[in-house]
PDB file of N, CA and C in Angstrom:
ATOM      1  N   MET A   1       2.556   0.368  12.561  1.00  0.00           N
ATOM      2  CA  MET A   1       3.628  -0.089  11.729  1.00  0.00           C
ATOM      3  C   MET A   1       4.843   0.770  12.015  1.00  0.00           C
ATOM      4  N   ASP A   2       5.847   0.146  12.600  1.00  0.00           N
ATOM      5  CA  ASP A   2       7.086   0.853  12.887  1.00  0.00           C
ATOM      6  C   ASP A   2       8.261  -0.055  12.531  1.00  0.00           C
ATOM      7  N   GLN A   3       9.447   0.415  12.846  1.00  0.00           N
ATOM      8  CA  GLN A   3      10.655  -0.321  12.473  1.00  0.00           C
ATOM      9  C   GLN A   3      10.634  -1.766  12.970  1.00  0.00           C
ATOM     10  N   SER A   4      10.076  -1.998  14.147  1.00  0.00           N
ATOM     11  CA  SER A   4      10.078  -3.355  14.702  1.00  0.00           C
ATOM     12  C   SER A   4       9.164  -4.305  13.930  1.00  0.00           C
ATOM     13  N   ARG A   5       8.212  -3.792  13.171  1.00  0.00           N
ATOM     14  CA  ARG A   5       7.268  -4.629  12.404  1.00  0.00           C
ATOM     15  C   ARG A   5       7.521  -4.569  10.895  1.00  0.00           C
ATOM     16  N   ARG A   6       8.443  -3.713  10.472  1.00  0.00           N
ATOM     17  CA  ARG A   6       8.674  -3.515   9.035  1.00  0.00           C
ATOM     18  C   ARG A   6       8.982  -4.825   8.311  1.00  0.00           C
ATOM     19  N   HIS A   7       9.801  -5.655   8.919  1.00  0.00           N
ATOM     20  CA  HIS A   7      10.185  -6.913   8.273  1.00  0.00           C
ATOM     21  C   HIS A   7       8.956  -7.770   7.961  1.00  0.00           C
ATOM     22  N   HIS A   8       7.999  -7.797   8.860  1.00  0.00           N
ATOM     23  CA  HIS A   8       6.777  -8.583   8.637  1.00  0.00           C
ATOM     24  C   HIS A   8       5.976  -8.005   7.467  1.00  0.00           C
ATOM     25  N   LEU A   9       5.887  -6.693   7.411  1.00  0.00           N
ATOM     26  CA  LEU A   9       5.176  -6.043   6.314  1.00  0.00           C
ATOM     27  C   LEU A   9       5.859  -6.321   4.988  1.00  0.00           C
ATOM     28  N   GLU A  10       7.162  -6.183   4.937  1.00  0.00           N
ATOM     29  CA  GLU A  10       7.898  -6.424   3.694  1.00  0.00           C
ATOM     30  C   GLU A  10       7.722  -7.861   3.216  1.00  0.00           C
ATOM     31  N   ARG A  11       7.773  -8.807   4.138  1.00  0.00           N
ATOM     32  CA  ARG A  11       7.576 -10.224   3.759  1.00  0.00           C
ATOM     33  C   ARG A  11       6.186 -10.437   3.191  1.00  0.00           C
ATOM     34  N   ALA A  12       5.175  -9.854   3.828  1.00  0.00           N
ATOM     35  CA  ALA A  12       3.796 -10.028   3.360  1.00  0.00           C
ATOM     36  C   ALA A  12       3.601  -9.403   1.976  1.00  0.00           C
ATOM     37  N   LEU A  13       4.151  -8.226   1.768  1.00  0.00           N
ATOM     38  CA  LEU A  13       4.005  -7.574   0.461  1.00  0.00           C
ATOM     39  C   LEU A  13       4.769  -8.325  -0.620  1.00  0.00           C
ATOM     40  N   THR A  14       5.953  -8.809  -0.301  1.00  0.00           N
ATOM     41  CA  THR A  14       6.734  -9.595  -1.260  1.00  0.00           C
ATOM     42  C   THR A  14       6.000 -10.878  -1.624  1.00  0.00           C
ATOM     43  N   ALA A  15       5.429 -11.540  -0.630  1.00  0.00           N
ATOM     44  CA  ALA A  15       4.674 -12.771  -0.885  1.00  0.00           C
ATOM     45  C   ALA A  15       3.450 -12.487  -1.757  1.00  0.00           C
ATOM     46  N   ALA A  16       2.781 -11.374  -1.492  1.00  0.00           N
ATOM     47  CA  ALA A  16       1.601 -11.024  -2.284  1.00  0.00           C
ATOM     48  C   ALA A  16       1.975 -10.751  -3.737  1.00  0.00           C
ATOM     49  N   LEU A  17       3.143 -10.188  -3.973  1.00  0.00           N
ATOM     50  CA  LEU A  17       3.564  -9.883  -5.338  1.00  0.00           C
ATOM     51  C   LEU A  17       4.190 -11.081  -6.051  1.00  0.00           C
ATOM     52  N   ALA A  18       4.531 -12.115  -5.301  1.00  0.00           N
ATOM     53  CA  ALA A  18       5.193 -13.285  -5.891  1.00  0.00           C
ATOM     54  C   ALA A  18       4.330 -13.967  -6.945  1.00  0.00           C
ATOM     55  N   SER A  19       3.031 -13.913  -6.771  1.00  0.00           N
ATOM     56  CA  SER A  19       2.146 -14.555  -7.748  1.00  0.00           C
ATOM     57  C   SER A  19       1.853 -13.650  -8.945  1.00  0.00           C
ATOM     58  N   ARG A  20       2.507 -12.478  -8.974  1.00  0.00           N
ATOM     59  CA  ARG A  20       2.391 -11.523 -10.075  1.00  0.00           C
ATOM     60  C   ARG A  20       0.935 -11.138 -10.364  1.00  0.00           C
ATOM     61  N   PRO A  21       0.245 -10.616  -9.351  1.00  0.00           N
ATOM     62  CA  PRO A  21      -1.146 -10.203  -9.571  1.00  0.00           C
ATOM     63  C   PRO A  21      -1.194  -8.951 -10.455  1.00  0.00           C
ATOM     64  N   ALA A  22      -2.302  -8.772 -11.112  1.00  0.00           N
ATOM     65  CA  ALA A  22      -2.495  -7.550 -11.896  1.00  0.00           C
ATOM     66  C   ALA A  22      -2.753  -6.368 -10.970  1.00  0.00           C
ATOM     67  N   LEU A  23      -3.356  -6.654  -9.822  1.00  0.00           N
ATOM     68  CA  LEU A  23      -3.716  -5.612  -8.861  1.00  0.00           C
ATOM     69  C   LEU A  23      -3.395  -6.090  -7.453  1.00  0.00           C
ATOM     70  N   LEU A  24      -2.704  -5.252  -6.696  1.00  0.00           N
ATOM     71  CA  LEU A  24      -2.430  -5.532  -5.289  1.00  0.00           C
ATOM     72  C   LEU A  24      -3.125  -4.458  -4.468  1.00  0.00           C
ATOM     73  N   VAL A  25      -4.110  -4.869  -3.683  1.00  0.00           N
ATOM     74  CA  VAL A  25      -4.828  -3.950  -2.811  1.00  0.00           C
ATOM     75  C   VAL A  25      -4.307  -4.163  -1.394  1.00  0.00           C
ATOM     76  N   VAL A  26      -3.818  -3.097  -0.792  1.00  0.00           N
ATOM     77  CA  VAL A  26      -3.307  -3.157   0.570  1.00  0.00           C
ATOM     78  C   VAL A  26      -4.337  -2.478   1.464  1.00  0.00           C
ATOM     79  N   ASP A  27      -4.995  -3.277   2.301  1.00  0.00           N
ATOM     80  CA  ASP A  27      -6.040  -2.780   3.196  1.00  0.00           C
ATOM     81  C   ASP A  27      -5.392  -2.176   4.439  1.00  0.00           C
ATOM     82  N   LEU A  28      -5.520  -0.862   4.577  1.00  0.00           N
ATOM     83  CA  LEU A  28      -4.928  -0.149   5.701  1.00  0.00           C
ATOM     84  C   LEU A  28      -5.950   0.177   6.791  1.00  0.00           C
ATOM     85  N   GLY A  29      -7.143  -0.371   6.675  1.00  0.00           N
ATOM     86  CA  GLY A  29      -8.236  -0.024   7.564  1.00  0.00           C
ATOM     87  C   GLY A  29      -7.990  -0.282   9.039  1.00  0.00           C
ATOM     88  N   ALA A  30      -7.133  -1.220   9.374  1.00  0.00           N
ATOM     89  CA  ALA A  30      -6.859  -1.523  10.783  1.00  0.00           C
ATOM     90  C   ALA A  30      -5.514  -0.966  11.242  1.00  0.00           C
ATOM     91  N   LEU A  31      -4.857  -0.205  10.379  1.00  0.00           N
ATOM     92  CA  LEU A  31      -3.534   0.326  10.710  1.00  0.00           C
ATOM     93  C   LEU A  31      -3.680   1.668  11.414  1.00  0.00           C
ATOM     94  N   ALA A  32      -3.450   1.674  12.716  1.00  0.00           N
ATOM     95  CA  ALA A  32      -3.638   2.885  13.521  1.00  0.00           C
ATOM     96  C   ALA A  32      -2.431   3.806  13.490  1.00  0.00           C
ATOM     97  N   PHE A  33      -1.251   3.261  13.182  1.00  0.00           N
ATOM     98  CA  PHE A  33      -0.028   4.058  13.192  1.00  0.00           C
ATOM     99  C   PHE A  33       0.914   3.543  12.125  1.00  0.00           C
ATOM    100  N   CYS A  34       1.614   4.454  11.489  1.00  0.00           N
ATOM    101  CA  CYS A  34       2.640   4.082  10.516  1.00  0.00           C
ATOM    102  C   CYS A  34       3.716   5.149  10.562  1.00  0.00           C
ATOM    103  N   ASP A  35       4.970   4.717  10.711  1.00  0.00           N
ATOM    104  CA  ASP A  35       6.063   5.681  10.682  1.00  0.00           C
ATOM    105  C   ASP A  35       6.783   5.594   9.338  1.00  0.00           C
ATOM    106  N   SER A  36       7.896   6.284   9.230  1.00  0.00           N
ATOM    107  CA  SER A  36       8.597   6.344   7.945  1.00  0.00           C
ATOM    108  C   SER A  36       9.101   4.981   7.482  1.00  0.00           C
ATOM    109  N   SER A  37       9.400   4.085   8.404  1.00  0.00           N
ATOM    110  CA  SER A  37       9.862   2.756   7.978  1.00  0.00           C
ATOM    111  C   SER A  37       8.736   1.978   7.306  1.00  0.00           C
ATOM    112  N   GLY A  38       7.526   2.107   7.811  1.00  0.00           N
ATOM    113  CA  GLY A  38       6.387   1.475   7.149  1.00  0.00           C
ATOM    114  C   GLY A  38       6.112   2.116   5.804  1.00  0.00           C
ATOM    115  N   LEU A  39       6.194   3.436   5.755  1.00  0.00           N
ATOM    116  CA  LEU A  39       5.988   4.145   4.497  1.00  0.00           C
ATOM    117  C   LEU A  39       7.028   3.720   3.469  1.00  0.00           C
ATOM    118  N   ASN A  40       8.265   3.585   3.889  1.00  0.00           N
ATOM    119  CA  ASN A  40       9.315   3.122   2.976  1.00  0.00           C
ATOM    120  C   ASN A  40       9.029   1.715   2.459  1.00  0.00           C
ATOM    121  N   ALA A  41       8.473   0.874   3.295  1.00  0.00           N
ATOM    122  CA  ALA A  41       8.113  -0.477   2.850  1.00  0.00           C
ATOM    123  C   ALA A  41       7.030  -0.411   1.780  1.00  0.00           C
ATOM    124  N   PHE A  42       6.068   0.490   1.944  1.00  0.00           N
ATOM    125  CA  PHE A  42       5.026   0.650   0.932  1.00  0.00           C
ATOM    126  C   PHE A  42       5.612   1.194  -0.379  1.00  0.00           C
ATOM    127  N   VAL A  43       6.534   2.138  -0.273  1.00  0.00           N
ATOM    128  CA  VAL A  43       7.174   2.698  -1.473  1.00  0.00           C
ATOM    129  C   VAL A  43       7.955   1.619  -2.209  1.00  0.00           C
ATOM    130  N   HIS A  44       8.691   0.826  -1.462  1.00  0.00           N
ATOM    131  CA  HIS A  44       9.467  -0.267  -2.061  1.00  0.00           C
ATOM    132  C   HIS A  44       8.533  -1.278  -2.746  1.00  0.00           C
ATOM    133  N   ALA A  45       7.442  -1.621  -2.088  1.00  0.00           N
ATOM    134  CA  ALA A  45       6.478  -2.563  -2.670  1.00  0.00           C
ATOM    135  C   ALA A  45       5.847  -1.983  -3.927  1.00  0.00           C
ATOM    136  N   ARG A  46       5.582  -0.683  -3.937  1.00  0.00           N
ATOM    137  CA  ARG A  46       5.003  -0.039  -5.118  1.00  0.00           C
ATOM    138  C   ARG A  46       5.959  -0.163  -6.301  1.00  0.00           C
ATOM    139  N   ARG A  47       7.254   0.062  -6.049  1.00  0.00           N
ATOM    140  CA  ARG A  47       8.247  -0.098  -7.120  1.00  0.00           C
ATOM    141  C   ARG A  47       8.291  -1.538  -7.619  1.00  0.00           C
ATOM    142  N   ASN A  48       8.281  -2.484  -6.690  1.00  0.00           N
ATOM    143  CA  ASN A  48       8.288  -3.895  -7.080  1.00  0.00           C
ATOM    144  C   ASN A  48       7.036  -4.246  -7.875  1.00  0.00           C
ATOM    145  N   ALA A  49       5.904  -3.706  -7.465  1.00  0.00           N
ATOM    146  CA  ALA A  49       4.660  -3.958  -8.198  1.00  0.00           C
ATOM    147  C   ALA A  49       4.772  -3.417  -9.616  1.00  0.00           C
ATOM    148  N   GLN A  50       5.268  -2.217  -9.758  1.00  0.00           N
ATOM    149  CA  GLN A  50       5.422  -1.640 -11.092  1.00  0.00           C
ATOM    150  C   GLN A  50       6.369  -2.465 -11.949  1.00  0.00           C
ATOM    151  N   ASP A  51       7.435  -2.970 -11.343  1.00  0.00           N
ATOM    152  CA  ASP A  51       8.402  -3.790 -12.083  1.00  0.00           C
ATOM    153  C   ASP A  51       7.781  -5.060 -12.636  1.00  0.00           C
ATOM    154  N   THR A  52       6.759  -5.568 -11.956  1.00  0.00           N
ATOM    155  CA  THR A  52       6.100  -6.798 -12.414  1.00  0.00           C
ATOM    156  C   THR A  52       4.835  -6.508 -13.211  1.00  0.00           C
ATOM    157  N   GLY A  53       4.537  -5.235 -13.426  1.00  0.00           N
ATOM    158  CA  GLY A  53       3.342  -4.869 -14.186  1.00  0.00           C
ATOM    159  C   GLY A  53       2.076  -4.813 -13.358  1.00  0.00           C
ATOM    160  N   ALA A  54       2.207  -4.886 -12.050  1.00  0.00           N
ATOM    161  CA  ALA A  54       1.031  -4.849 -11.173  1.00  0.00           C
ATOM    162  C   ALA A  54       0.721  -3.411 -10.770  1.00  0.00           C
ATOM    163  N   ARG A  55      -0.534  -3.170 -10.481  1.00  0.00           N
ATOM    164  CA  ARG A  55      -0.963  -1.895  -9.905  1.00  0.00           C
ATOM    165  C   ARG A  55      -1.137  -2.101  -8.411  1.00  0.00           C
ATOM    166  N   MET A  56      -0.659  -1.160  -7.623  1.00  0.00           N
ATOM    167  CA  MET A  56      -0.803  -1.245  -6.172  1.00  0.00           C
ATOM    168  C   MET A  56      -1.719  -0.126  -5.712  1.00  0.00           C
ATOM    169  N   VAL A  57      -2.718  -0.502  -4.936  1.00  0.00           N
ATOM    170  CA  VAL A  57      -3.693   0.456  -4.426  1.00  0.00           C
ATOM    171  C   VAL A  57      -3.716   0.347  -2.906  1.00  0.00           C
ATOM    172  N   LEU A  58      -3.666   1.498  -2.239  1.00  0.00           N
ATOM    173  CA  LEU A  58      -3.824   1.542  -0.790  1.00  0.00           C
ATOM    174  C   LEU A  58      -5.288   1.829  -0.500  1.00  0.00           C
ATOM    175  N   ALA A  59      -5.891   1.006   0.338  1.00  0.00           N
ATOM    176  CA  ALA A  59      -7.324   1.145   0.614  1.00  0.00           C
ATOM    177  C   ALA A  59      -7.576   1.447   2.082  1.00  0.00           C
ATOM    178  N   ALA A  60      -8.530   2.312   2.330  1.00  0.00           N
ATOM    179  CA  ALA A  60      -9.062   2.610   3.662  1.00  0.00           C
ATOM    180  C   ALA A  60      -8.024   3.080   4.665  1.00  0.00           C
ATOM    181  N   PRO A  61      -7.160   4.023   4.289  1.00  0.00           N
ATOM    182  CA  PRO A  61      -6.195   4.485   5.286  1.00  0.00           C
ATOM    183  C   PRO A  61      -6.905   5.206   6.435  1.00  0.00           C
ATOM    184  N   THR A  62      -6.476   4.905   7.642  1.00  0.00           N
ATOM    185  CA  THR A  62      -7.025   5.564   8.824  1.00  0.00           C
ATOM    186  C   THR A  62      -6.505   6.997   8.874  1.00  0.00           C
ATOM    187  N   GLY A  63      -7.066   7.806   9.741  1.00  0.00           N
ATOM    188  CA  GLY A  63      -6.669   9.204   9.858  1.00  0.00           C
ATOM    189  C   GLY A  63      -5.177   9.422  10.006  1.00  0.00           C
ATOM    190  N   PRO A  64      -4.522   8.744  10.960  1.00  0.00           N
ATOM    191  CA  PRO A  64      -3.078   8.951  11.127  1.00  0.00           C
ATOM    192  C   PRO A  64      -2.265   8.517   9.905  1.00  0.00           C
ATOM    193  N   VAL A  65      -2.690   7.459   9.252  1.00  0.00           N
ATOM    194  CA  VAL A  65      -1.962   6.979   8.072  1.00  0.00           C
ATOM    195  C   VAL A  65      -2.193   7.935   6.905  1.00  0.00           C
ATOM    196  N   ARG A  66      -3.415   8.389   6.731  1.00  0.00           N
ATOM    197  CA  ARG A  66      -3.703   9.369   5.679  1.00  0.00           C
ATOM    198  C   ARG A  66      -2.878  10.639   5.911  1.00  0.00           C
ATOM    199  N   TRP A  67      -2.779  11.062   7.171  1.00  0.00           N
ATOM    200  CA  TRP A  67      -1.996  12.247   7.519  1.00  0.00           C
ATOM    201  C   TRP A  67      -0.539  12.058   7.102  1.00  0.00           C
ATOM    202  N   LEU A  68       0.042  10.892   7.403  1.00  0.00           N
ATOM    203  CA  LEU A  68       1.423  10.607   7.017  1.00  0.00           C
ATOM    204  C   LEU A  68       1.579  10.668   5.501  1.00  0.00           C
ATOM    205  N   LEU A  69       0.642  10.082   4.785  1.00  0.00           N
ATOM    206  CA  LEU A  69       0.701  10.107   3.321  1.00  0.00           C
ATOM    207  C   LEU A  69       0.633  11.535   2.798  1.00  0.00           C
ATOM    208  N   GLU A  70      -0.186  12.350   3.428  1.00  0.00           N
ATOM    209  CA  GLU A  70      -0.347  13.732   2.970  1.00  0.00           C
ATOM    210  C   GLU A  70       0.860  14.604   3.301  1.00  0.00           C
ATOM    211  N   ILE A  71       1.384  14.518   4.525  1.00  0.00           N
ATOM    212  CA  ILE A  71       2.504  15.413   4.880  1.00  0.00           C
ATOM    213  C   ILE A  71       3.793  15.041   4.146  1.00  0.00           C
ATOM    214  N   THR A  72       3.886  13.808   3.685  1.00  0.00           N
ATOM    215  CA  THR A  72       5.067  13.381   2.929  1.00  0.00           C
ATOM    216  C   THR A  72       4.883  13.543   1.427  1.00  0.00           C
ATOM    217  N   GLY A  73       3.679  13.898   1.007  1.00  0.00           N
ATOM    218  CA  GLY A  73       3.399  14.025  -0.425  1.00  0.00           C
ATOM    219  C   GLY A  73       3.120  12.691  -1.104  1.00  0.00           C
ATOM    220  N   MET A  74       3.126  11.620  -0.342  1.00  0.00           N
ATOM    221  CA  MET A  74       2.909  10.295  -0.924  1.00  0.00           C
ATOM    222  C   MET A  74       1.467  10.083  -1.377  1.00  0.00           C
ATOM    223  N   HIS A  75       0.555  10.922  -0.920  1.00  0.00           N
ATOM    224  CA  HIS A  75      -0.830  10.813  -1.386  1.00  0.00           C
ATOM    225  C   HIS A  75      -0.914  11.125  -2.877  1.00  0.00           C
ATOM    226  N   GLN A  76       0.106  11.802  -3.421  1.00  0.00           N
ATOM    227  CA  GLN A  76       0.140  12.080  -4.853  1.00  0.00           C
ATOM    228  C   GLN A  76       0.831  10.972  -5.632  1.00  0.00           C
ATOM    229  N   VAL A  77       1.529  10.102  -4.933  1.00  0.00           N
ATOM    230  CA  VAL A  77       2.265   9.007  -5.564  1.00  0.00           C
ATOM    231  C   VAL A  77       1.427   7.736  -5.608  1.00  0.00           C
ATOM    232  N   PHE A  78       0.776   7.436  -4.485  1.00  0.00           N
ATOM    233  CA  PHE A  78      -0.011   6.208  -4.377  1.00  0.00           C
ATOM    234  C   PHE A  78      -1.429   6.409  -4.881  1.00  0.00           C
ATOM    235  N   ASP A  79      -1.991   5.347  -5.402  1.00  0.00           N
ATOM    236  CA  ASP A  79      -3.414   5.302  -5.719  1.00  0.00           C
ATOM    237  C   ASP A  79      -4.105   4.928  -4.409  1.00  0.00           C
ATOM    238  N   ILE A  80      -4.883   5.852  -3.856  1.00  0.00           N
ATOM    239  CA  ILE A  80      -5.518   5.647  -2.550  1.00  0.00           C
ATOM    240  C   ILE A  80      -7.025   5.652  -2.735  1.00  0.00           C
ATOM    241  N   ARG A  81      -7.674   4.635  -2.198  1.00  0.00           N
ATOM    242  CA  ARG A  81      -9.129   4.505  -2.288  1.00  0.00           C
ATOM    243  C   ARG A  81      -9.731   4.488  -0.892  1.00  0.00           C
ATOM    244  N   PRO A  82     -10.966   4.953  -0.751  1.00  0.00           N
ATOM    245  CA  PRO A  82     -11.574   5.059   0.577  1.00  0.00           C
ATOM    246  C   PRO A  82     -11.896   3.720   1.233  1.00  0.00           C
ATOM    247  N   ASP A  83     -12.017   2.670   0.426  1.00  0.00           N
ATOM    248  CA  ASP A  83     -12.337   1.353   0.983  1.00  0.00           C
ATOM    249  C   ASP A  83     -11.862   0.267   0.036  1.00  0.00           C
ATOM    250  N   VAL A  84     -11.860  -0.950   0.530  1.00  0.00           N
ATOM    251  CA  VAL A  84     -11.384  -2.089  -0.260  1.00  0.00           C
ATOM    252  C   VAL A  84     -12.270  -2.313  -1.478  1.00  0.00           C
ATOM    253  N   GLU A  85     -13.575  -2.153  -1.298  1.00  0.00           N
ATOM    254  CA  GLU A  85     -14.493  -2.396  -2.412  1.00  0.00           C
ATOM    255  C   GLU A  85     -14.182  -1.496  -3.601  1.00  0.00           C
ATOM    256  N   SER A  86     -13.961  -0.228  -3.356  1.00  0.00           N
ATOM    257  CA  SER A  86     -13.647   0.678  -4.470  1.00  0.00           C
ATOM    258  C   SER A  86     -12.266   0.372  -5.047  1.00  0.00           C
ATOM    259  N   ALA A  87     -11.348  -0.101  -4.224  1.00  0.00           N
ATOM    260  CA  ALA A  87     -10.040  -0.499  -4.735  1.00  0.00           C
ATOM    261  C   ALA A  87     -10.153  -1.720  -5.635  1.00  0.00           C
ATOM    262  N   LEU A  88     -10.990  -2.671  -5.233  1.00  0.00           N
ATOM    263  CA  LEU A  88     -11.166  -3.871  -6.053  1.00  0.00           C
ATOM    264  C   LEU A  88     -11.882  -3.560  -7.364  1.00  0.00           C
ATOM    265  N   ALA A  89     -12.669  -2.520  -7.372  1.00  0.00           N
ATOM    266  CA  ALA A  89     -13.317  -2.116  -8.612  1.00  0.00           C
ATOM    267  C   ALA A  89     -12.289  -1.713  -9.654  1.00  0.00           C
ATOM    268  N   GLU A  90     -11.073  -1.415  -9.222  1.00  0.00           N
ATOM    269  CA  GLU A  90      -9.998  -1.055 -10.125  1.00  0.00           C
ATOM    270  C   GLU A  90      -9.573  -2.229 -11.013  1.00  0.00           C
ATOM    271  N   GLN A  91      -9.908  -3.443 -10.605  1.00  0.00           N
ATOM    272  CA  GLN A  91      -9.525  -4.601 -11.399  1.00  0.00           C
ATOM    273  C   GLN A  91     -10.072  -4.536 -12.806  1.00  0.00           C
ATOM    274  N   SER A  92     -11.207  -3.915 -12.975  1.00  0.00           N
ATOM    275  CA  SER A  92     -11.815  -3.854 -14.290  1.00  0.00           C
ATOM    276  C   SER A  92     -11.228  -2.731 -15.143  1.00  0.00           C
ATOM    277  N   ARG A  93     -10.358  -1.895 -14.525  1.00  0.00           N
ATOM    278  CA  ARG A  93      -9.713  -0.822 -15.279  1.00  0.00           C
ATOM    279  C   ARG A  93      -8.607  -1.376 -16.133  1.00  0.00           C
ATOM    280  N   PRO A  94      -8.489  -0.876 -17.357  1.00  0.00           N
ATOM    281  CA  PRO A  94      -7.377  -1.336 -18.216  1.00  0.00           C
ATOM    282  C   PRO A  94      -6.032  -0.901 -17.697  1.00  0.00           C
TER     283      PRO A  94
END
């Protein structure tokens, strides 16, 4: 995920939030690389999710993506789960 793909990510996240879900799980399991533009798209989507009352969870970040989240401090901002299944278990949380 870099600047050249950011627009596609933003469109997908916006479309996912359009139906106003209670929970948005973003599966990062196949994402091998993410730069600051991708991270900014996730931050923007998190704000949009909060504005609509949705919870956004990042699931299964790969090593490089987890590293980016950690060095930027975003691992303290995002709800991060080790896999999609544990993220979906969040649906039952109030």
